[in-house]
Amino acid sequence: MTINQIALLNRWIQENRLVTVHIHLRYEPIIGRILSFEAERNTCLIYDDDLKEVHHLSLKEITSIQGFKEK
């Protein structure tokens, strides 16, 4: 992960920004907020706004994270 990507994740955390997270082997993305990111462990906590669940994900599980865009 690059310094720019880490900075973007930290900005989204501070802004409490809604994001779309695509995960390997999962059809539907998670739409939620990044609660925390641990660079040393390459993990993050994502709060799923729809299901009201917290997901602890390794960056290896994530195919992409984007700022949420309404359709």
PDB file of N, CA and C in Angstrom:
ATOM      1  N   MET A   1       0.843  -1.176   0.000  1.00  0.00           N
ATOM      2  CA  MET A   1       0.000   0.000   0.000  1.00  0.00           C
ATOM      3  C   MET A   1       0.886   1.237   0.000  1.00  0.00           C
ATOM      4  N   THR A   2       0.535   2.201  -0.819  1.00  0.00           N
ATOM      5  CA  THR A   2       1.352   3.409  -0.933  1.00  0.00           C
ATOM      6  C   THR A   2       0.993   4.428   0.152  1.00  0.00           C
ATOM      7  N   ILE A   3       1.858   5.384   0.321  1.00  0.00           N
ATOM      8  CA  ILE A   3       1.618   6.462   1.298  1.00  0.00           C
ATOM      9  C   ILE A   3       0.354   7.242   0.932  1.00  0.00           C
ATOM     10  N   ASN A   4       0.125   7.458  -0.363  1.00  0.00           N
ATOM     11  CA  ASN A   4      -1.079   8.178  -0.808  1.00  0.00           C
ATOM     12  C   ASN A   4      -2.349   7.404  -0.473  1.00  0.00           C
ATOM     13  N   GLN A   5      -2.317   6.089  -0.639  1.00  0.00           N
ATOM     14  CA  GLN A   5      -3.480   5.267  -0.321  1.00  0.00           C
ATOM     15  C   GLN A   5      -3.763   5.277   1.179  1.00  0.00           C
ATOM     16  N   ILE A   6      -2.717   5.197   1.978  1.00  0.00           N
ATOM     17  CA  ILE A   6      -2.881   5.253   3.429  1.00  0.00           C
ATOM     18  C   ILE A   6      -3.443   6.606   3.848  1.00  0.00           C
ATOM     19  N   ALA A   7      -2.945   7.668   3.252  1.00  0.00           N
ATOM     20  CA  ALA A   7      -3.447   9.012   3.561  1.00  0.00           C
ATOM     21  C   ALA A   7      -4.925   9.135   3.195  1.00  0.00           C
ATOM     22  N   LEU A   8      -5.320   8.552   2.066  1.00  0.00           N
ATOM     23  CA  LEU A   8      -6.722   8.599   1.645  1.00  0.00           C
ATOM     24  C   LEU A   8      -7.600   7.828   2.625  1.00  0.00           C
ATOM     25  N   LEU A   9      -7.179   6.641   3.040  1.00  0.00           N
ATOM     26  CA  LEU A   9      -7.945   5.878   4.032  1.00  0.00           C
ATOM     27  C   LEU A   9      -8.098   6.666   5.332  1.00  0.00           C
ATOM     28  N   ASN A  10      -7.008   7.263   5.797  1.00  0.00           N
ATOM     29  CA  ASN A  10      -7.073   8.059   7.030  1.00  0.00           C
ATOM     30  C   ASN A  10      -7.980   9.270   6.887  1.00  0.00           C
ATOM     31  N   ARG A  11      -7.995   9.898   5.722  1.00  0.00           N
ATOM     32  CA  ARG A  11      -8.902  11.028   5.488  1.00  0.00           C
ATOM     33  C   ARG A  11     -10.355  10.571   5.528  1.00  0.00           C
ATOM     34  N   TRP A  12     -10.640   9.439   4.890  1.00  0.00           N
ATOM     35  CA  TRP A  12     -12.008   8.908   4.919  1.00  0.00           C
ATOM     36  C   TRP A  12     -12.437   8.565   6.331  1.00  0.00           C
ATOM     37  N   ILE A  13     -11.506   8.048   7.152  1.00  0.00           N
ATOM     38  CA  ILE A  13     -11.823   7.740   8.546  1.00  0.00           C
ATOM     39  C   ILE A  13     -12.163   9.021   9.298  1.00  0.00           C
ATOM     40  N   GLN A  14     -11.334  10.045   9.150  1.00  0.00           N
ATOM     41  CA  GLN A  14     -11.564  11.313   9.864  1.00  0.00           C
ATOM     42  C   GLN A  14     -12.841  12.011   9.418  1.00  0.00           C
ATOM     43  N   GLU A  15     -13.160  11.904   8.112  1.00  0.00           N
ATOM     44  CA  GLU A  15     -14.374  12.533   7.575  1.00  0.00           C
ATOM     45  C   GLU A  15     -15.623  11.697   7.820  1.00  0.00           C
ATOM     46  N   ASN A  16     -15.440  10.463   8.350  1.00  0.00           N
ATOM     47  CA  ASN A  16     -16.542   9.523   8.531  1.00  0.00           C
ATOM     48  C   ASN A  16     -17.268   9.300   7.207  1.00  0.00           C
ATOM     49  N   ARG A  17     -16.481   9.192   6.158  1.00  0.00           N
ATOM     50  CA  ARG A  17     -16.979   9.113   4.780  1.00  0.00           C
ATOM     51  C   ARG A  17     -17.575   7.746   4.468  1.00  0.00           C
ATOM     52  N   LEU A  18     -18.683   7.742   3.774  1.00  0.00           N
ATOM     53  CA  LEU A  18     -19.301   6.518   3.297  1.00  0.00           C
ATOM     54  C   LEU A  18     -18.464   5.975   2.145  1.00  0.00           C
ATOM     55  N   VAL A  19     -18.127   4.677   2.199  1.00  0.00           N
ATOM     56  CA  VAL A  19     -17.289   4.052   1.172  1.00  0.00           C
ATOM     57  C   VAL A  19     -17.946   2.762   0.674  1.00  0.00           C
ATOM     58  N   THR A  20     -17.536   2.350  -0.512  1.00  0.00           N
ATOM     59  CA  THR A  20     -17.944   1.066  -1.078  1.00  0.00           C
ATOM     60  C   THR A  20     -16.720   0.157  -1.057  1.00  0.00           C
ATOM     61  N   VAL A  21     -16.870  -1.015  -0.437  1.00  0.00           N
ATOM     62  CA  VAL A  21     -15.766  -1.969  -0.297  1.00  0.00           C
ATOM     63  C   VAL A  21     -16.126  -3.254  -1.038  1.00  0.00           C
ATOM     64  N   HIS A  22     -15.336  -3.590  -2.037  1.00  0.00           N
ATOM     65  CA  HIS A  22     -15.528  -4.835  -2.784  1.00  0.00           C
ATOM     66  C   HIS A  22     -14.568  -5.876  -2.218  1.00  0.00           C
ATOM     67  N   ILE A  23     -15.113  -7.077  -1.971  1.00  0.00           N
ATOM     68  CA  ILE A  23     -14.360  -8.141  -1.320  1.00  0.00           C
ATOM     69  C   ILE A  23     -14.309  -9.365  -2.230  1.00  0.00           C
ATOM     70  N   HIS A  24     -13.159 -10.059  -2.224  1.00  0.00           N
ATOM     71  CA  HIS A  24     -13.030 -11.318  -2.964  1.00  0.00           C
ATOM     72  C   HIS A  24     -14.149 -12.270  -2.564  1.00  0.00           C
ATOM     73  N   LEU A  25     -14.682 -13.008  -3.531  1.00  0.00           N
ATOM     74  CA  LEU A  25     -15.667 -14.063  -3.312  1.00  0.00           C
ATOM     75  C   LEU A  25     -16.964 -13.583  -2.673  1.00  0.00           C
ATOM     76  N   ARG A  26     -17.256 -12.301  -2.784  1.00  0.00           N
ATOM     77  CA  ARG A  26     -18.528 -11.781  -2.270  1.00  0.00           C
ATOM     78  C   ARG A  26     -19.171 -10.965  -3.379  1.00  0.00           C
ATOM     79  N   TYR A  27     -20.403 -11.297  -3.709  1.00  0.00           N
ATOM     80  CA  TYR A  27     -21.085 -10.658  -4.828  1.00  0.00           C
ATOM     81  C   TYR A  27     -21.423  -9.196  -4.528  1.00  0.00           C
ATOM     82  N   GLU A  28     -22.023  -8.970  -3.381  1.00  0.00           N
ATOM     83  CA  GLU A  28     -22.449  -7.621  -3.009  1.00  0.00           C
ATOM     84  C   GLU A  28     -21.342  -6.888  -2.263  1.00  0.00           C
ATOM     85  N   PRO A  29     -21.084  -5.632  -2.611  1.00  0.00           N
ATOM     86  CA  PRO A  29     -20.083  -4.864  -1.848  1.00  0.00           C
ATOM     87  C   PRO A  29     -20.646  -4.437  -0.495  1.00  0.00           C
ATOM     88  N   ILE A  30     -19.760  -4.063   0.389  1.00  0.00           N
ATOM     89  CA  ILE A  30     -20.158  -3.466   1.663  1.00  0.00           C
ATOM     90  C   ILE A  30     -20.194  -1.961   1.457  1.00  0.00           C
ATOM     91  N   ILE A  31     -21.286  -1.348   1.851  1.00  0.00           N
ATOM     92  CA  ILE A  31     -21.379   0.118   1.834  1.00  0.00           C
ATOM     93  C   ILE A  31     -21.400   0.545   3.293  1.00  0.00           C
ATOM     94  N   GLY A  32     -20.339   1.231   3.688  1.00  0.00           N
ATOM     95  CA  GLY A  32     -20.238   1.597   5.093  1.00  0.00           C
ATOM     96  C   GLY A  32     -19.125   2.592   5.343  1.00  0.00           C
ATOM     97  N   ARG A  33     -18.599   2.546   6.546  1.00  0.00           N
ATOM     98  CA  ARG A  33     -17.571   3.505   6.959  1.00  0.00           C
ATOM     99  C   ARG A  33     -16.366   2.760   7.517  1.00  0.00           C
ATOM    100  N   ILE A  34     -15.189   3.289   7.248  1.00  0.00           N
ATOM    101  CA  ILE A  34     -13.971   2.701   7.783  1.00  0.00           C
ATOM    102  C   ILE A  34     -13.806   3.218   9.206  1.00  0.00           C
ATOM    103  N   LEU A  35     -13.803   2.301  10.156  1.00  0.00           N
ATOM    104  CA  LEU A  35     -13.652   2.695  11.552  1.00  0.00           C
ATOM    105  C   LEU A  35     -12.192   2.854  11.933  1.00  0.00           C
ATOM    106  N   SER A  36     -11.350   1.951  11.425  1.00  0.00           N
ATOM    107  CA  SER A  36      -9.927   2.029  11.734  1.00  0.00           C
ATOM    108  C   SER A  36      -9.129   1.282  10.681  1.00  0.00           C
ATOM    109  N   PHE A  37      -7.844   1.633  10.611  1.00  0.00           N
ATOM    110  CA  PHE A  37      -6.918   0.987   9.700  1.00  0.00           C
ATOM    111  C   PHE A  37      -5.610   0.763  10.438  1.00  0.00           C
ATOM    112  N   GLU A  38      -5.102  -0.463  10.404  1.00  0.00           N
ATOM    113  CA  GLU A  38      -3.828  -0.800  11.049  1.00  0.00           C
ATOM    114  C   GLU A  38      -2.824  -1.163   9.968  1.00  0.00           C
ATOM    115  N   ALA A  39      -1.925  -0.241   9.663  1.00  0.00           N
ATOM    116  CA  ALA A  39      -0.942  -0.453   8.599  1.00  0.00           C
ATOM    117  C   ALA A  39       0.009  -1.604   8.932  1.00  0.00           C
ATOM    118  N   GLU A  40       0.350  -1.763  10.222  1.00  0.00           N
ATOM    119  CA  GLU A  40       1.290  -2.811  10.616  1.00  0.00           C
ATOM    120  C   GLU A  40       0.728  -4.202  10.346  1.00  0.00           C
ATOM    121  N   ARG A  41      -0.573  -4.343  10.511  1.00  0.00           N
ATOM    122  CA  ARG A  41      -1.231  -5.645  10.320  1.00  0.00           C
ATOM    123  C   ARG A  41      -1.936  -5.749   8.971  1.00  0.00           C
ATOM    124  N   ASN A  42      -1.996  -4.653   8.236  1.00  0.00           N
ATOM    125  CA  ASN A  42      -2.727  -4.609   6.962  1.00  0.00           C
ATOM    126  C   ASN A  42      -4.178  -5.046   7.129  1.00  0.00           C
ATOM    127  N   THR A  43      -4.830  -4.491   8.146  1.00  0.00           N
ATOM    128  CA  THR A  43      -6.238  -4.796   8.400  1.00  0.00           C
ATOM    129  C   THR A  43      -7.029  -3.513   8.606  1.00  0.00           C
ATOM    130  N   CYS A  44      -8.327  -3.634   8.428  1.00  0.00           N
ATOM    131  CA  CYS A  44      -9.185  -2.492   8.731  1.00  0.00           C
ATOM    132  C   CYS A  44     -10.531  -2.985   9.250  1.00  0.00           C
ATOM    133  N   LEU A  45     -11.186  -2.120  10.005  1.00  0.00           N
ATOM    134  CA  LEU A  45     -12.533  -2.371  10.488  1.00  0.00           C
ATOM    135  C   LEU A  45     -13.486  -1.532   9.651  1.00  0.00           C
ATOM    136  N   ILE A  46     -14.501  -2.196   9.106  1.00  0.00           N
ATOM    137  CA  ILE A  46     -15.493  -1.528   8.286  1.00  0.00           C
ATOM    138  C   ILE A  46     -16.854  -1.706   8.934  1.00  0.00           C
ATOM    139  N   TYR A  47     -17.598  -0.607   9.130  1.00  0.00           N
ATOM    140  CA  TYR A  47     -18.955  -0.676   9.659  1.00  0.00           C
ATOM    141  C   TYR A  47     -19.923  -0.693   8.487  1.00  0.00           C
ATOM    142  N   ASP A  48     -20.707  -1.753   8.371  1.00  0.00           N
ATOM    143  CA  ASP A  48     -21.706  -1.902   7.314  1.00  0.00           C
ATOM    144  C   ASP A  48     -22.966  -1.158   7.739  1.00  0.00           C
ATOM    145  N   ASP A  49     -23.271  -0.043   7.072  1.00  0.00           N
ATOM    146  CA  ASP A  49     -24.425   0.779   7.445  1.00  0.00           C
ATOM    147  C   ASP A  49     -25.747   0.039   7.272  1.00  0.00           C
ATOM    148  N   ASP A  50     -25.863  -0.792   6.241  1.00  0.00           N
ATOM    149  CA  ASP A  50     -27.120  -1.489   5.980  1.00  0.00           C
ATOM    150  C   ASP A  50     -27.393  -2.594   6.990  1.00  0.00           C
ATOM    151  N   LEU A  51     -26.390  -3.437   7.248  1.00  0.00           N
ATOM    152  CA  LEU A  51     -26.577  -4.586   8.130  1.00  0.00           C
ATOM    153  C   LEU A  51     -26.270  -4.289   9.592  1.00  0.00           C
ATOM    154  N   LYS A  52     -25.716  -3.117   9.870  1.00  0.00           N
ATOM    155  CA  LYS A  52     -25.342  -2.730  11.242  1.00  0.00           C
ATOM    156  C   LYS A  52     -24.350  -3.738  11.837  1.00  0.00           C
ATOM    157  N   GLU A  53     -23.340  -4.101  11.023  1.00  0.00           N
ATOM    158  CA  GLU A  53     -22.313  -5.051  11.436  1.00  0.00           C
ATOM    159  C   GLU A  53     -20.927  -4.447  11.231  1.00  0.00           C
ATOM    160  N   VAL A  54     -19.979  -4.949  12.002  1.00  0.00           N
ATOM    161  CA  VAL A  54     -18.587  -4.544  11.845  1.00  0.00           C
ATOM    162  C   VAL A  54     -17.828  -5.712  11.226  1.00  0.00           C
ATOM    163  N   HIS A  55     -17.065  -5.433  10.180  1.00  0.00           N
ATOM    164  CA  HIS A  55     -16.263  -6.445   9.499  1.00  0.00           C
ATOM    165  C   HIS A  55     -14.781  -6.155   9.744  1.00  0.00           C
ATOM    166  N   HIS A  56     -14.045  -7.159  10.192  1.00  0.00           N
ATOM    167  CA  HIS A  56     -12.595  -7.050  10.368  1.00  0.00           C
ATOM    168  C   HIS A  56     -11.966  -7.707   9.152  1.00  0.00           C
ATOM    169  N   LEU A  57     -11.356  -6.906   8.277  1.00  0.00           N
ATOM    170  CA  LEU A  57     -10.871  -7.405   6.995  1.00  0.00           C
ATOM    171  C   LEU A  57      -9.372  -7.213   6.833  1.00  0.00           C
ATOM    172  N   SER A  58      -8.753  -8.201   6.244  1.00  0.00           N
ATOM    173  CA  SER A  58      -7.366  -8.078   5.808  1.00  0.00           C
ATOM    174  C   SER A  58      -7.384  -7.369   4.456  1.00  0.00           C
ATOM    175  N   LEU A  59      -6.359  -6.597   4.172  1.00  0.00           N
ATOM    176  CA  LEU A  59      -6.310  -5.919   2.879  1.00  0.00           C
ATOM    177  C   LEU A  59      -6.238  -6.922   1.730  1.00  0.00           C
ATOM    178  N   LYS A  60      -5.781  -8.145   1.998  1.00  0.00           N
ATOM    179  CA  LYS A  60      -5.738  -9.187   0.978  1.00  0.00           C
ATOM    180  C   LYS A  60      -7.134  -9.619   0.552  1.00  0.00           C
ATOM    181  N   GLU A  61      -8.129  -9.421   1.423  1.00  0.00           N
ATOM    182  CA  GLU A  61      -9.509  -9.787   1.116  1.00  0.00           C
ATOM    183  C   GLU A  61     -10.210  -8.728   0.261  1.00  0.00           C
ATOM    184  N   ILE A  62      -9.699  -7.518   0.278  1.00  0.00           N
ATOM    185  CA  ILE A  62     -10.361  -6.389  -0.372  1.00  0.00           C
ATOM    186  C   ILE A  62      -9.834  -6.213  -1.790  1.00  0.00           C
ATOM    187  N   THR A  63     -10.767  -6.130  -2.750  1.00  0.00           N
ATOM    188  CA  THR A  63     -10.346  -5.882  -4.131  1.00  0.00           C
ATOM    189  C   THR A  63     -10.318  -4.388  -4.433  1.00  0.00           C
ATOM    190  N   SER A  64     -11.229  -3.613  -3.806  1.00  0.00           N
ATOM    191  CA  SER A  64     -11.202  -2.159  -3.993  1.00  0.00           C
ATOM    192  C   SER A  64     -12.003  -1.456  -2.905  1.00  0.00           C
ATOM    193  N   ILE A  65     -11.605  -0.223  -2.632  1.00  0.00           N
ATOM    194  CA  ILE A  65     -12.339   0.671  -1.736  1.00  0.00           C
ATOM    195  C   ILE A  65     -12.465   1.999  -2.469  1.00  0.00           C
ATOM    196  N   GLN A  66     -13.695   2.508  -2.529  1.00  0.00           N
ATOM    197  CA  GLN A  66     -13.947   3.779  -3.204  1.00  0.00           C
ATOM    198  C   GLN A  66     -14.884   4.625  -2.374  1.00  0.00           C
ATOM    199  N   GLY A  67     -14.757   5.927  -2.532  1.00  0.00           N
ATOM    200  CA  GLY A  67     -15.730   6.818  -1.920  1.00  0.00           C
ATOM    201  C   GLY A  67     -17.088   6.495  -2.521  1.00  0.00           C
ATOM    202  N   PHE A  68     -18.135   6.438  -1.682  1.00  0.00           N
ATOM    203  CA  PHE A  68     -19.470   6.057  -2.139  1.00  0.00           C
ATOM    204  C   PHE A  68     -20.031   7.129  -3.059  1.00  0.00           C
ATOM    205  N   LYS A  69     -20.606   6.674  -4.162  1.00  0.00           N
ATOM    206  CA  LYS A  69     -21.283   7.569  -5.097  1.00  0.00           C
ATOM    207  C   LYS A  69     -22.710   7.098  -5.268  1.00  0.00           C
ATOM    208  N   GLU A  70     -23.647   7.967  -4.962  1.00  0.00           N
ATOM    209  CA  GLU A  70     -25.070   7.598  -5.117  1.00  0.00           C
ATOM    210  C   GLU A  70     -25.408   7.495  -6.582  1.00  0.00           C
ATOM    211  N   LYS A  71     -26.300   6.560  -6.886  1.00  0.00           N
ATOM    212  CA  LYS A  71     -26.704   6.335  -8.287  1.00  0.00           C
ATOM    213  C   LYS A  71     -27.769   7.289  -8.721  1.00  0.00           C
TER     214      LYS A  71
END
